[in-house]
């Protein structure tokens, strides 16, 4: 698996996102909440992922966009460790719950912990 975050790997489509939030499971590790669901995609992508930062909690668009970039980067750098041995396809939405700016290192730690929880739940 490549260490990229291509257009094919982005979670798009209102129908799929609504289905994800209505039928999906979630894991929270502050300041992140990851909603996930197993699905079948037409492409050979293992996971489609979206990121979201609440406008109510982070008021300035510049700060919201920076946090979204950090979330995507943390996912991109570590997705090979999460999904190397998985054959089922997943849809993920990564939600940022914090109010303050955060470093890439803290986001990576929270994301790693959250994905480990997801893998434990799915494997058992």
PDB file of N, CA and C in Angstrom:
ATOM      1  N   UNK A   1       0.842  -1.178   0.000  1.00  0.00           N
ATOM      2  CA  UNK A   1       0.000   0.000   0.000  1.00  0.00           C
ATOM      3  C   UNK A   1       0.888   1.242   0.000  1.00  0.00           C
ATOM      4  N   UNK A   2       0.541   2.171  -0.887  1.00  0.00           N
ATOM      5  CA  UNK A   2       1.336   3.391  -1.005  1.00  0.00           C
ATOM      6  C   UNK A   2       1.022   4.357   0.119  1.00  0.00           C
ATOM      7  N   UNK A   3       1.970   5.216   0.389  1.00  0.00           N
ATOM      8  CA  UNK A   3       1.803   6.214   1.437  1.00  0.00           C
ATOM      9  C   UNK A   3       1.263   7.508   0.842  1.00  0.00           C
ATOM     10  N   UNK A   4       0.121   7.405   0.166  1.00  0.00           N
ATOM     11  CA  UNK A   4      -0.514   8.571  -0.440  1.00  0.00           C
ATOM     12  C   UNK A   4      -1.950   8.676   0.040  1.00  0.00           C
ATOM     13  N   UNK A   5      -2.567   9.795  -0.263  1.00  0.00           N
ATOM     14  CA  UNK A   5      -3.985   9.994   0.049  1.00  0.00           C
ATOM     15  C   UNK A   5      -4.625  10.520  -1.233  1.00  0.00           C
ATOM     16  N   UNK A   6      -4.882   9.605  -2.164  1.00  0.00           N
ATOM     17  CA  UNK A   6      -5.346   9.984  -3.492  1.00  0.00           C
ATOM     18  C   UNK A   6      -6.835  10.306  -3.499  1.00  0.00           C
ATOM     19  N   UNK A   7      -7.297  10.776  -4.635  1.00  0.00           N
ATOM     20  CA  UNK A   7      -8.698  11.146  -4.797  1.00  0.00           C
ATOM     21  C   UNK A   7      -9.620   9.939  -4.617  1.00  0.00           C
ATOM     22  N   UNK A   8      -9.163   8.763  -5.050  1.00  0.00           N
ATOM     23  CA  UNK A   8      -9.975   7.544  -4.926  1.00  0.00           C
ATOM     24  C   UNK A   8     -10.180   7.146  -3.466  1.00  0.00           C
ATOM     25  N   UNK A   9      -9.279   7.569  -2.582  1.00  0.00           N
ATOM     26  CA  UNK A   9      -9.353   7.192  -1.172  1.00  0.00           C
ATOM     27  C   UNK A   9     -10.157   8.174  -0.329  1.00  0.00           C
ATOM     28  N   UNK A  10     -10.676   9.238  -0.931  1.00  0.00           N
ATOM     29  CA  UNK A  10     -11.435  10.232  -0.179  1.00  0.00           C
ATOM     30  C   UNK A  10     -12.889   9.812  -0.084  1.00  0.00           C
ATOM     31  N   UNK A  11     -13.454  10.029   1.062  1.00  0.00           N
ATOM     32  CA  UNK A  11     -14.852   9.693   1.305  1.00  0.00           C
ATOM     33  C   UNK A  11     -15.717  10.805   0.735  1.00  0.00           C
ATOM     34  N   UNK A  12     -16.532  10.464  -0.255  1.00  0.00           N
ATOM     35  CA  UNK A  12     -17.396  11.440  -0.907  1.00  0.00           C
ATOM     36  C   UNK A  12     -18.783  10.836  -1.056  1.00  0.00           C
ATOM     37  N   UNK A  13     -19.734  11.653  -1.331  1.00  0.00           N
ATOM     38  CA  UNK A  13     -21.086  11.175  -1.587  1.00  0.00           C
ATOM     39  C   UNK A  13     -21.963  11.245  -0.349  1.00  0.00           C
ATOM     40  N   UNK A  14     -23.019  12.008  -0.444  1.00  0.00           N
ATOM     41  CA  UNK A  14     -23.923  12.204   0.687  1.00  0.00           C
ATOM     42  C   UNK A  14     -24.538  10.890   1.161  1.00  0.00           C
ATOM     43  N   UNK A  15     -24.891  10.020   0.228  1.00  0.00           N
ATOM     44  CA  UNK A  15     -25.530   8.751   0.578  1.00  0.00           C
ATOM     45  C   UNK A  15     -24.613   7.892   1.454  1.00  0.00           C
ATOM     46  N   UNK A  16     -23.363   7.768   1.066  1.00  0.00           N
ATOM     47  CA  UNK A  16     -22.408   6.959   1.829  1.00  0.00           C
ATOM     48  C   UNK A  16     -22.110   7.581   3.191  1.00  0.00           C
ATOM     49  N   UNK A  17     -21.989   8.899   3.236  1.00  0.00           N
ATOM     50  CA  UNK A  17     -21.704   9.570   4.508  1.00  0.00           C
ATOM     51  C   UNK A  17     -22.891   9.461   5.456  1.00  0.00           C
ATOM     52  N   UNK A  18     -24.116   9.629   4.949  1.00  0.00           N
ATOM     53  CA  UNK A  18     -25.310   9.456   5.787  1.00  0.00           C
ATOM     54  C   UNK A  18     -25.417   8.037   6.316  1.00  0.00           C
ATOM     55  N   UNK A  19     -25.120   7.077   5.466  1.00  0.00           N
ATOM     56  CA  UNK A  19     -25.141   5.666   5.866  1.00  0.00           C
ATOM     57  C   UNK A  19     -24.089   5.392   6.939  1.00  0.00           C
ATOM     58  N   UNK A  20     -22.937   6.001   6.783  1.00  0.00           N
ATOM     59  CA  UNK A  20     -21.848   5.838   7.751  1.00  0.00           C
ATOM     60  C   UNK A  20     -22.264   6.336   9.127  1.00  0.00           C
ATOM     61  N   UNK A  21     -22.888   7.521   9.192  1.00  0.00           N
ATOM     62  CA  UNK A  21     -23.281   8.072  10.485  1.00  0.00           C
ATOM     63  C   UNK A  21     -24.498   7.376  11.076  1.00  0.00           C
ATOM     64  N   UNK A  22     -25.373   6.829  10.258  1.00  0.00           N
ATOM     65  CA  UNK A  22     -26.558   6.166  10.804  1.00  0.00           C
ATOM     66  C   UNK A  22     -26.289   4.719  11.216  1.00  0.00           C
ATOM     67  N   UNK A  23     -25.432   4.003  10.480  1.00  0.00           N
ATOM     68  CA  UNK A  23     -25.219   2.587  10.750  1.00  0.00           C
ATOM     69  C   UNK A  23     -23.808   2.254  11.250  1.00  0.00           C
ATOM     70  N   UNK A  24     -22.923   3.230  11.254  1.00  0.00           N
ATOM     71  CA  UNK A  24     -21.534   2.960  11.606  1.00  0.00           C
ATOM     72  C   UNK A  24     -21.288   2.885  13.101  1.00  0.00           C
ATOM     73  N   UNK A  25     -20.116   2.388  13.443  1.00  0.00           N
ATOM     74  CA  UNK A  25     -19.662   2.323  14.828  1.00  0.00           C
ATOM     75  C   UNK A  25     -18.643   3.438  15.024  1.00  0.00           C
ATOM     76  N   UNK A  26     -18.376   3.790  16.289  1.00  0.00           N
ATOM     77  CA  UNK A  26     -17.409   4.849  16.509  1.00  0.00           C
ATOM     78  C   UNK A  26     -16.472   4.537  17.667  1.00  0.00           C
ATOM     79  N   UNK A  27     -15.309   5.172  17.610  1.00  0.00           N
ATOM     80  CA  UNK A  27     -14.281   5.064  18.638  1.00  0.00           C
ATOM     81  C   UNK A  27     -13.806   6.474  18.928  1.00  0.00           C
ATOM     82  N   UNK A  28     -13.676   6.811  20.212  1.00  0.00           N
ATOM     83  CA  UNK A  28     -13.208   8.142  20.586  1.00  0.00           C
ATOM     84  C   UNK A  28     -11.912   8.060  21.375  1.00  0.00           C
ATOM     85  N   UNK A  29     -10.966   8.864  20.964  1.00  0.00           N
ATOM     86  CA  UNK A  29      -9.711   9.076  21.689  1.00  0.00           C
ATOM     87  C   UNK A  29      -9.465  10.568  21.563  1.00  0.00           C
ATOM     88  N   UNK A  30      -9.588  11.275  22.688  1.00  0.00           N
ATOM     89  CA  UNK A  30      -9.515  12.736  22.618  1.00  0.00           C
ATOM     90  C   UNK A  30      -8.224  13.185  21.962  1.00  0.00           C
ATOM     91  N   UNK A  31      -8.268  14.066  21.032  1.00  0.00           N
ATOM     92  CA  UNK A  31      -9.332  14.925  20.513  1.00  0.00           C
ATOM     93  C   UNK A  31      -9.986  14.402  19.234  1.00  0.00           C
ATOM     94  N   UNK A  32      -9.954  13.094  18.995  1.00  0.00           N
ATOM     95  CA  UNK A  32     -10.521  12.529  17.772  1.00  0.00           C
ATOM     96  C   UNK A  32     -11.674  11.589  18.063  1.00  0.00           C
ATOM     97  N   UNK A  33     -12.573  11.507  17.105  1.00  0.00           N
ATOM     98  CA  UNK A  33     -13.628  10.493  17.095  1.00  0.00           C
ATOM     99  C   UNK A  33     -13.649   9.937  15.685  1.00  0.00           C
ATOM    100  N   UNK A  34     -13.555   8.625  15.560  1.00  0.00           N
ATOM    101  CA  UNK A  34     -13.548   7.995  14.247  1.00  0.00           C
ATOM    102  C   UNK A  34     -14.806   7.148  14.113  1.00  0.00           C
ATOM    103  N   UNK A  35     -15.598   7.468  13.104  1.00  0.00           N
ATOM    104  CA  UNK A  35     -16.797   6.703  12.780  1.00  0.00           C
ATOM    105  C   UNK A  35     -16.422   5.810  11.603  1.00  0.00           C
ATOM    106  N   UNK A  36     -16.741   4.520  11.689  1.00  0.00           N
ATOM    107  CA  UNK A  36     -16.327   3.589  10.644  1.00  0.00           C
ATOM    108  C   UNK A  36     -17.421   2.578  10.353  1.00  0.00           C
ATOM    109  N   UNK A  37     -17.341   1.990   9.167  1.00  0.00           N
ATOM    110  CA  UNK A  37     -18.307   0.984   8.728  1.00  0.00           C
ATOM    111  C   UNK A  37     -17.658   0.153   7.629  1.00  0.00           C
ATOM    112  N   UNK A  38     -17.929  -1.136   7.628  1.00  0.00           N
ATOM    113  CA  UNK A  38     -17.453  -1.978   6.528  1.00  0.00           C
ATOM    114  C   UNK A  38     -18.395  -1.783   5.343  1.00  0.00           C
ATOM    115  N   UNK A  39     -17.832  -1.648   4.171  1.00  0.00           N
ATOM    116  CA  UNK A  39     -18.613  -1.440   2.954  1.00  0.00           C
ATOM    117  C   UNK A  39     -17.943  -2.152   1.791  1.00  0.00           C
ATOM    118  N   UNK A  40     -18.593  -2.096   0.647  1.00  0.00           N
ATOM    119  CA  UNK A  40     -18.022  -2.622  -0.594  1.00  0.00           C
ATOM    120  C   UNK A  40     -17.933  -1.488  -1.597  1.00  0.00           C
ATOM    121  N   UNK A  41     -16.721  -1.237  -2.078  1.00  0.00           N
ATOM    122  CA  UNK A  41     -16.500  -0.206  -3.076  1.00  0.00           C
ATOM    123  C   UNK A  41     -16.290  -0.862  -4.429  1.00  0.00           C
ATOM    124  N   UNK A  42     -16.555  -0.108  -5.478  1.00  0.00           N
ATOM    125  CA  UNK A  42     -16.327  -0.617  -6.828  1.00  0.00           C
ATOM    126  C   UNK A  42     -14.842  -0.655  -7.148  1.00  0.00           C
ATOM    127  N   UNK A  43     -14.082   0.245  -6.542  1.00  0.00           N
ATOM    128  CA  UNK A  43     -12.638   0.278  -6.773  1.00  0.00           C
ATOM    129  C   UNK A  43     -11.932  -0.661  -5.798  1.00  0.00           C
ATOM    130  N   UNK A  44     -10.640  -0.846  -6.005  1.00  0.00           N
ATOM    131  CA  UNK A  44      -9.864  -1.760  -5.163  1.00  0.00           C
ATOM    132  C   UNK A  44      -9.274  -1.071  -3.938  1.00  0.00           C
ATOM    133  N   UNK A  45      -9.845   0.044  -3.540  1.00  0.00           N
ATOM    134  CA  UNK A  45      -9.354   0.798  -2.389  1.00  0.00           C
ATOM    135  C   UNK A  45      -9.769   0.080  -1.104  1.00  0.00           C
ATOM    136  N   UNK A  46      -8.844  -0.026  -0.149  1.00  0.00           N
ATOM    137  CA  UNK A  46      -9.147  -0.695   1.112  1.00  0.00           C
ATOM    138  C   UNK A  46      -9.966   0.203   2.027  1.00  0.00           C
ATOM    139  N   UNK A  47      -9.659   1.505   2.052  1.00  0.00           N
ATOM    140  CA  UNK A  47     -10.377   2.420   2.951  1.00  0.00           C
ATOM    141  C   UNK A  47     -10.602   3.758   2.264  1.00  0.00           C
ATOM    142  N   UNK A  48     -11.799   4.294   2.468  1.00  0.00           N
ATOM    143  CA  UNK A  48     -12.100   5.660   2.051  1.00  0.00           C
ATOM    144  C   UNK A  48     -12.267   6.468   3.325  1.00  0.00           C
ATOM    145  N   UNK A  49     -11.608   7.621   3.369  1.00  0.00           N
ATOM    146  CA  UNK A  49     -11.552   8.398   4.595  1.00  0.00           C
ATOM    147  C   UNK A  49     -11.889   9.851   4.342  1.00  0.00           C
ATOM    148  N   UNK A  50     -12.649  10.433   5.267  1.00  0.00           N
ATOM    149  CA  UNK A  50     -12.945  11.856   5.243  1.00  0.00           C
ATOM    150  C   UNK A  50     -12.565  12.468   6.578  1.00  0.00           C
ATOM    151  N   UNK A  51     -12.343  13.767   6.585  1.00  0.00           N
ATOM    152  CA  UNK A  51     -12.010  14.470   7.827  1.00  0.00           C
ATOM    153  C   UNK A  51     -12.975  15.632   8.012  1.00  0.00           C
ATOM    154  N   UNK A  52     -13.233  15.975   9.272  1.00  0.00           N
ATOM    155  CA  UNK A  52     -14.154  17.062   9.564  1.00  0.00           C
ATOM    156  C   UNK A  52     -13.737  17.757  10.854  1.00  0.00           C
ATOM    157  N   UNK A  53     -13.860  19.091  10.843  1.00  0.00           N
ATOM    158  CA  UNK A  53     -13.590  19.905  12.021  1.00  0.00           C
ATOM    159  C   UNK A  53     -14.795  20.806  12.209  1.00  0.00           C
ATOM    160  N   UNK A  54     -15.359  20.820  13.400  1.00  0.00           N
ATOM    161  CA  UNK A  54     -16.572  21.573  13.681  1.00  0.00           C
ATOM    162  C   UNK A  54     -16.338  23.073  13.630  1.00  0.00           C
ATOM    163  N   UNK A  55     -17.252  23.761  12.953  1.00  0.00           N
ATOM    164  CA  UNK A  55     -17.181  25.220  12.868  1.00  0.00           C
ATOM    165  C   UNK A  55     -17.537  25.863  14.201  1.00  0.00           C
ATOM    166  N   UNK A  56     -18.328  25.164  15.007  1.00  0.00           N
ATOM    167  CA  UNK A  56     -18.706  25.685  16.320  1.00  0.00           C
ATOM    168  C   UNK A  56     -17.523  25.705  17.282  1.00  0.00           C
ATOM    169  N   UNK A  57     -16.656  24.710  17.166  1.00  0.00           N
ATOM    170  CA  UNK A  57     -15.542  24.603  18.106  1.00  0.00           C
ATOM    171  C   UNK A  57     -14.309  25.366  17.647  1.00  0.00           C
ATOM    172  N   UNK A  58     -14.031  25.363  16.347  1.00  0.00           N
ATOM    173  CA  UNK A  58     -12.880  26.087  15.802  1.00  0.00           C
ATOM    174  C   UNK A  58     -13.448  27.140  14.857  1.00  0.00           C
ATOM    175  N   UNK A  59     -13.509  28.358  15.320  1.00  0.00           N
ATOM    176  CA  UNK A  59     -14.217  29.428  14.608  1.00  0.00           C
ATOM    177  C   UNK A  59     -13.531  29.866  13.316  1.00  0.00           C
ATOM    178  N   UNK A  60     -12.235  30.065  13.346  1.00  0.00           N
ATOM    179  CA  UNK A  60     -11.544  30.612  12.192  1.00  0.00           C
ATOM    180  C   UNK A  60     -11.276  29.539  11.136  1.00  0.00           C
ATOM    181  N   UNK A  61     -11.611  29.861   9.895  1.00  0.00           N
ATOM    182  CA  UNK A  61     -11.448  28.916   8.789  1.00  0.00           C
ATOM    183  C   UNK A  61      -9.983  28.526   8.596  1.00  0.00           C
ATOM    184  N   UNK A  62      -9.088  29.469   8.817  1.00  0.00           N
ATOM    185  CA  UNK A  62      -7.662  29.185   8.654  1.00  0.00           C
ATOM    186  C   UNK A  62      -7.228  28.084   9.621  1.00  0.00           C
ATOM    187  N   UNK A  63      -7.672  28.178  10.857  1.00  0.00           N
ATOM    188  CA  UNK A  63      -7.317  27.162  11.860  1.00  0.00           C
ATOM    189  C   UNK A  63      -7.988  25.828  11.554  1.00  0.00           C
ATOM    190  N   UNK A  64      -9.272  25.872  11.127  1.00  0.00           N
ATOM    191  CA  UNK A  64      -9.978  24.635  10.757  1.00  0.00           C
ATOM    192  C   UNK A  64      -9.264  23.925   9.617  1.00  0.00           C
ATOM    193  N   UNK A  65      -8.873  24.666   8.615  1.00  0.00           N
ATOM    194  CA  UNK A  65      -8.191  24.066   7.461  1.00  0.00           C
ATOM    195  C   UNK A  65      -6.833  23.501   7.840  1.00  0.00           C
ATOM    196  N   UNK A  66      -6.130  24.159   8.748  1.00  0.00           N
ATOM    197  CA  UNK A  66      -4.831  23.645   9.190  1.00  0.00           C
ATOM    198  C   UNK A  66      -5.014  22.318   9.931  1.00  0.00           C
ATOM    199  N   UNK A  67      -6.027  22.248  10.791  1.00  0.00           N
ATOM    200  CA  UNK A  67      -6.284  21.005  11.526  1.00  0.00           C
ATOM    201  C   UNK A  67      -6.663  19.888  10.557  1.00  0.00           C
ATOM    202  N   UNK A  68      -7.466  20.201   9.542  1.00  0.00           N
ATOM    203  CA  UNK A  68      -7.840  19.191   8.547  1.00  0.00           C
ATOM    204  C   UNK A  68      -6.612  18.698   7.781  1.00  0.00           C
ATOM    205  N   UNK A  69      -5.707  19.605   7.440  1.00  0.00           N
ATOM    206  CA  UNK A  69      -4.473  19.193   6.768  1.00  0.00           C
ATOM    207  C   UNK A  69      -3.650  18.279   7.658  1.00  0.00           C
ATOM    208  N   UNK A  70      -3.568  18.604   8.953  1.00  0.00           N
ATOM    209  CA  UNK A  70      -2.817  17.764   9.893  1.00  0.00           C
ATOM    210  C   UNK A  70      -3.464  16.390  10.038  1.00  0.00           C
ATOM    211  N   UNK A  71      -4.794  16.331  10.082  1.00  0.00           N
ATOM    212  CA  UNK A  71      -5.503  15.046  10.174  1.00  0.00           C
ATOM    213  C   UNK A  71      -5.213  14.183   8.950  1.00  0.00           C
ATOM    214  N   UNK A  72      -5.303  14.776   7.766  1.00  0.00           N
ATOM    215  CA  UNK A  72      -5.020  14.026   6.537  1.00  0.00           C
ATOM    216  C   UNK A  72      -3.571  13.536   6.498  1.00  0.00           C
ATOM    217  N   UNK A  73      -2.662  14.385   6.943  1.00  0.00           N
ATOM    218  CA  UNK A  73      -1.245  14.015   6.929  1.00  0.00           C
ATOM    219  C   UNK A  73      -0.957  12.885   7.921  1.00  0.00           C
ATOM    220  N   UNK A  74      -1.528  12.954   9.102  1.00  0.00           N
ATOM    221  CA  UNK A  74      -1.334  11.888  10.089  1.00  0.00           C
ATOM    222  C   UNK A  74      -1.904  10.572   9.569  1.00  0.00           C
ATOM    223  N   UNK A  75      -3.043  10.639   8.910  1.00  0.00           N
ATOM    224  CA  UNK A  75      -3.638   9.432   8.322  1.00  0.00           C
ATOM    225  C   UNK A  75      -2.743   8.888   7.209  1.00  0.00           C
ATOM    226  N   UNK A  76      -2.287   9.776   6.328  1.00  0.00           N
ATOM    227  CA  UNK A  76      -1.469   9.367   5.187  1.00  0.00           C
ATOM    228  C   UNK A  76      -0.164   8.711   5.632  1.00  0.00           C
ATOM    229  N   UNK A  77       0.473   9.285   6.642  1.00  0.00           N
ATOM    230  CA  UNK A  77       1.761   8.758   7.093  1.00  0.00           C
ATOM    231  C   UNK A  77       1.638   7.388   7.755  1.00  0.00           C
ATOM    232  N   UNK A  78       0.511   7.120   8.389  1.00  0.00           N
ATOM    233  CA  UNK A  78       0.395   5.903   9.192  1.00  0.00           C
ATOM    234  C   UNK A  78      -0.580   4.866   8.651  1.00  0.00           C
ATOM    235  N   UNK A  79      -1.214   5.115   7.513  1.00  0.00           N
ATOM    236  CA  UNK A  79      -2.230   4.174   7.036  1.00  0.00           C
ATOM    237  C   UNK A  79      -1.656   2.820   6.651  1.00  0.00           C
ATOM    238  N   UNK A  80      -0.399   2.763   6.236  1.00  0.00           N
ATOM    239  CA  UNK A  80       0.176   1.472   5.885  1.00  0.00           C
ATOM    240  C   UNK A  80       0.295   0.573   7.113  1.00  0.00           C
ATOM    241  N   UNK A  81       0.550   1.158   8.283  1.00  0.00           N
ATOM    242  CA  UNK A  81       0.638   0.336   9.493  1.00  0.00           C
ATOM    243  C   UNK A  81      -0.742  -0.141   9.926  1.00  0.00           C
ATOM    244  N   UNK A  82      -1.793   0.619   9.619  1.00  0.00           N
ATOM    245  CA  UNK A  82      -3.136   0.222  10.017  1.00  0.00           C
ATOM    246  C   UNK A  82      -3.706  -0.846   9.097  1.00  0.00           C
ATOM    247  N   UNK A  83      -3.518  -0.701   7.790  1.00  0.00           N
ATOM    248  CA  UNK A  83      -4.287  -1.492   6.825  1.00  0.00           C
ATOM    249  C   UNK A  83      -3.481  -2.468   5.987  1.00  0.00           C
ATOM    250  N   UNK A  84      -2.256  -2.774   6.355  1.00  0.00           N
ATOM    251  CA  UNK A  84      -1.453  -3.690   5.547  1.00  0.00           C
ATOM    252  C   UNK A  84      -2.037  -5.090   5.485  1.00  0.00           C
ATOM    253  N   UNK A  85      -2.601  -5.584   6.568  1.00  0.00           N
ATOM    254  CA  UNK A  85      -3.052  -6.977   6.620  1.00  0.00           C
ATOM    255  C   UNK A  85      -4.575  -7.123   6.542  1.00  0.00           C
ATOM    256  N   UNK A  86      -5.267  -6.086   6.113  1.00  0.00           N
ATOM    257  CA  UNK A  86      -6.725  -6.117   6.093  1.00  0.00           C
ATOM    258  C   UNK A  86      -7.221  -6.316   4.663  1.00  0.00           C
ATOM    259  N   UNK A  87      -8.233  -7.162   4.507  1.00  0.00           N
ATOM    260  CA  UNK A  87      -8.799  -7.399   3.184  1.00  0.00           C
ATOM    261  C   UNK A  87     -10.181  -6.771   3.028  1.00  0.00           C
ATOM    262  N   UNK A  88     -10.910  -6.550   4.137  1.00  0.00           N
ATOM    263  CA  UNK A  88     -12.233  -5.934   4.040  1.00  0.00           C
ATOM    264  C   UNK A  88     -12.104  -4.438   3.796  1.00  0.00           C
ATOM    265  N   UNK A  89     -13.113  -3.870   3.149  1.00  0.00           N
ATOM    266  CA  UNK A  89     -13.082  -2.448   2.826  1.00  0.00           C
ATOM    267  C   UNK A  89     -13.860  -1.664   3.878  1.00  0.00           C
ATOM    268  N   UNK A  90     -13.334  -0.499   4.225  1.00  0.00           N
ATOM    269  CA  UNK A  90     -13.922   0.342   5.265  1.00  0.00           C
ATOM    270  C   UNK A  90     -14.150   1.753   4.765  1.00  0.00           C
ATOM    271  N   UNK A  91     -15.124   2.415   5.383  1.00  0.00           N
ATOM    272  CA  UNK A  91     -15.329   3.853   5.213  1.00  0.00           C
ATOM    273  C   UNK A  91     -15.099   4.483   6.585  1.00  0.00           C
ATOM    274  N   UNK A  92     -14.279   5.523   6.632  1.00  0.00           N
ATOM    275  CA  UNK A  92     -13.944   6.205   7.878  1.00  0.00           C
ATOM    276  C   UNK A  92     -14.273   7.681   7.774  1.00  0.00           C
ATOM    277  N   UNK A  93     -14.713   8.257   8.892  1.00  0.00           N
ATOM    278  CA  UNK A  93     -14.822   9.704   9.010  1.00  0.00           C
ATOM    279  C   UNK A  93     -14.090  10.064  10.289  1.00  0.00           C
ATOM    280  N   UNK A  94     -13.082  10.915  10.173  1.00  0.00           N
ATOM    281  CA  UNK A  94     -12.287  11.337  11.322  1.00  0.00           C
ATOM    282  C   UNK A  94     -12.781  12.714  11.731  1.00  0.00           C
ATOM    283  N   UNK A  95     -13.300  12.817  12.946  1.00  0.00           N
ATOM    284  CA  UNK A  95     -13.840  14.068  13.455  1.00  0.00           C
ATOM    285  C   UNK A  95     -12.919  14.627  14.525  1.00  0.00           C
ATOM    286  N   UNK A  96     -12.643  15.917  14.456  1.00  0.00           N
ATOM    287  CA  UNK A  96     -11.813  16.580  15.454  1.00  0.00           C
ATOM    288  C   UNK A  96     -12.733  17.182  16.507  1.00  0.00           C
ATOM    289  N   UNK A  97     -12.545  16.828  17.778  1.00  0.00           N
ATOM    290  CA  UNK A  97     -13.428  17.261  18.861  1.00  0.00           C
ATOM    291  C   UNK A  97     -12.856  18.395  19.699  1.00  0.00           C
ATOM    292  N   UNK A  98     -11.577  18.670  19.578  1.00  0.00           N
ATOM    293  CA  UNK A  98     -10.932  19.678  20.413  1.00  0.00           C
ATOM    294  C   UNK A  98     -11.285  21.095  19.994  1.00  0.00           C
ATOM    295  N   UNK A  99     -10.916  22.038  20.851  1.00  0.00           N
ATOM    296  CA  UNK A  99     -11.163  23.452  20.578  1.00  0.00           C
ATOM    297  C   UNK A  99      -9.885  24.210  20.263  1.00  0.00           C
ATOM    298  N   UNK A 100      -8.751  23.660  20.656  1.00  0.00           N
ATOM    299  CA  UNK A 100      -7.490  24.372  20.520  1.00  0.00           C
ATOM    300  C   UNK A 100      -6.673  23.812  19.358  1.00  0.00           C
ATOM    301  N   UNK A 101      -5.661  24.567  18.962  1.00  0.00           N
ATOM    302  CA  UNK A 101      -4.724  24.062  17.965  1.00  0.00           C
ATOM    303  C   UNK A 101      -3.950  22.906  18.563  1.00  0.00           C
ATOM    304  N   UNK A 102      -3.503  22.013  17.714  1.00  0.00           N
ATOM    305  CA  UNK A 102      -2.829  20.809  18.182  1.00  0.00           C
ATOM    306  C   UNK A 102      -1.681  20.491  17.231  1.00  0.00           C
ATOM    307  N   UNK A 103      -0.696  19.782  17.736  1.00  0.00           N
ATOM    308  CA  UNK A 103       0.459  19.426  16.912  1.00  0.00           C
ATOM    309  C   UNK A 103       0.198  18.118  16.163  1.00  0.00           C
ATOM    310  N   UNK A 104       0.965  17.917  15.112  1.00  0.00           N
ATOM    311  CA  UNK A 104       0.863  16.696  14.327  1.00  0.00           C
ATOM    312  C   UNK A 104       1.185  15.473  15.178  1.00  0.00           C
ATOM    313  N   UNK A 105       2.146  15.610  16.076  1.00  0.00           N
ATOM    314  CA  UNK A 105       2.554  14.493  16.930  1.00  0.00           C
ATOM    315  C   UNK A 105       1.391  14.004  17.807  1.00  0.00           C
ATOM    316  N   UNK A 106       0.656  14.936  18.420  1.00  0.00           N
ATOM    317  CA  UNK A 106      -0.478  14.545  19.270  1.00  0.00           C
ATOM    318  C   UNK A 106      -1.605  13.924  18.451  1.00  0.00           C
ATOM    319  N   UNK A 107      -1.835  14.446  17.259  1.00  0.00           N
ATOM    320  CA  UNK A 107      -2.858  13.869  16.383  1.00  0.00           C
ATOM    321  C   UNK A 107      -2.471  12.450  15.983  1.00  0.00           C
ATOM    322  N   UNK A 108      -1.201  12.253  15.653  1.00  0.00           N
ATOM    323  CA  UNK A 108      -0.730  10.919  15.278  1.00  0.00           C
ATOM    324  C   UNK A 108      -0.898   9.927  16.424  1.00  0.00           C
ATOM    325  N   UNK A 109      -0.576  10.344  17.648  1.00  0.00           N
ATOM    326  CA  UNK A 109      -0.733   9.464  18.804  1.00  0.00           C
ATOM    327  C   UNK A 109      -2.202   9.068  18.994  1.00  0.00           C
ATOM    328  N   UNK A 110      -3.096  10.053  18.937  1.00  0.00           N
ATOM    329  CA  UNK A 110      -4.521   9.776  19.128  1.00  0.00           C
ATOM    330  C   UNK A 110      -5.056   8.890  18.008  1.00  0.00           C
ATOM    331  N   UNK A 111      -4.633   9.151  16.779  1.00  0.00           N
ATOM    332  CA  UNK A 111      -5.108   8.373  15.642  1.00  0.00           C
ATOM    333  C   UNK A 111      -4.613   6.931  15.717  1.00  0.00           C
ATOM    334  N   UNK A 112      -3.367   6.745  16.116  1.00  0.00           N
ATOM    335  CA  UNK A 112      -2.821   5.395  16.261  1.00  0.00           C
ATOM    336  C   UNK A 112      -3.598   4.612  17.318  1.00  0.00           C
ATOM    337  N   UNK A 113      -3.861   5.249  18.449  1.00  0.00           N
ATOM    338  CA  UNK A 113      -4.627   4.592  19.513  1.00  0.00           C
ATOM    339  C   UNK A 113      -6.039   4.243  19.042  1.00  0.00           C
ATOM    340  N   UNK A 114      -6.668   5.159  18.343  1.00  0.00           N
ATOM    341  CA  UNK A 114      -8.038   4.928  17.864  1.00  0.00           C
ATOM    342  C   UNK A 114      -8.083   3.788  16.853  1.00  0.00           C
ATOM    343  N   UNK A 115      -7.158   3.757  15.904  1.00  0.00           N
ATOM    344  CA  UNK A 115      -7.157   2.684  14.911  1.00  0.00           C
ATOM    345  C   UNK A 115      -6.805   1.339  15.536  1.00  0.00           C
ATOM    346  N   UNK A 116      -5.983   1.330  16.576  1.00  0.00           N
ATOM    347  CA  UNK A 116      -5.712   0.076  17.284  1.00  0.00           C
ATOM    348  C   UNK A 116      -6.976  -0.438  17.955  1.00  0.00           C
ATOM    349  N   UNK A 117      -7.760   0.470  18.538  1.00  0.00           N
ATOM    350  CA  UNK A 117      -9.038   0.067  19.145  1.00  0.00           C
ATOM    351  C   UNK A 117      -9.981  -0.510  18.101  1.00  0.00           C
ATOM    352  N   UNK A 118     -10.032   0.133  16.934  1.00  0.00           N
ATOM    353  CA  UNK A 118     -10.902  -0.344  15.854  1.00  0.00           C
ATOM    354  C   UNK A 118     -10.482  -1.723  15.405  1.00  0.00           C
ATOM    355  N   UNK A 119      -9.198  -1.931  15.216  1.00  0.00           N
ATOM    356  CA  UNK A 119      -8.709  -3.239  14.774  1.00  0.00           C
ATOM    357  C   UNK A 119      -8.989  -4.316  15.818  1.00  0.00           C
ATOM    358  N   UNK A 120      -8.856  -3.988  17.107  1.00  0.00           N
ATOM    359  CA  UNK A 120      -9.181  -4.970  18.156  1.00  0.00           C
ATOM    360  C   UNK A 120     -10.652  -5.347  18.109  1.00  0.00           C
ATOM    361  N   UNK A 121     -11.538  -4.332  17.943  1.00  0.00           N
ATOM    362  CA  UNK A 121     -12.970  -4.600  17.881  1.00  0.00           C
ATOM    363  C   UNK A 121     -13.326  -5.461  16.682  1.00  0.00           C
ATOM    364  N   UNK A 122     -12.730  -5.167  15.547  1.00  0.00           N
ATOM    365  CA  UNK A 122     -13.063  -5.880  14.317  1.00  0.00           C
ATOM    366  C   UNK A 122     -12.481  -7.281  14.259  1.00  0.00           C
ATOM    367  N   UNK A 123     -11.347  -7.489  14.899  1.00  0.00           N
ATOM    368  CA  UNK A 123     -10.711  -8.797  14.885  1.00  0.00           C
ATOM    369  C   UNK A 123     -11.353  -9.772  15.880  1.00  0.00           C
ATOM    370  N   UNK A 124     -12.007  -9.226  16.896  1.00  0.00           N
ATOM    371  CA  UNK A 124     -12.617 -10.123  17.888  1.00  0.00           C
ATOM    372  C   UNK A 124     -14.056 -10.423  17.584  1.00  0.00           C
TER     373      UNK A 124
END
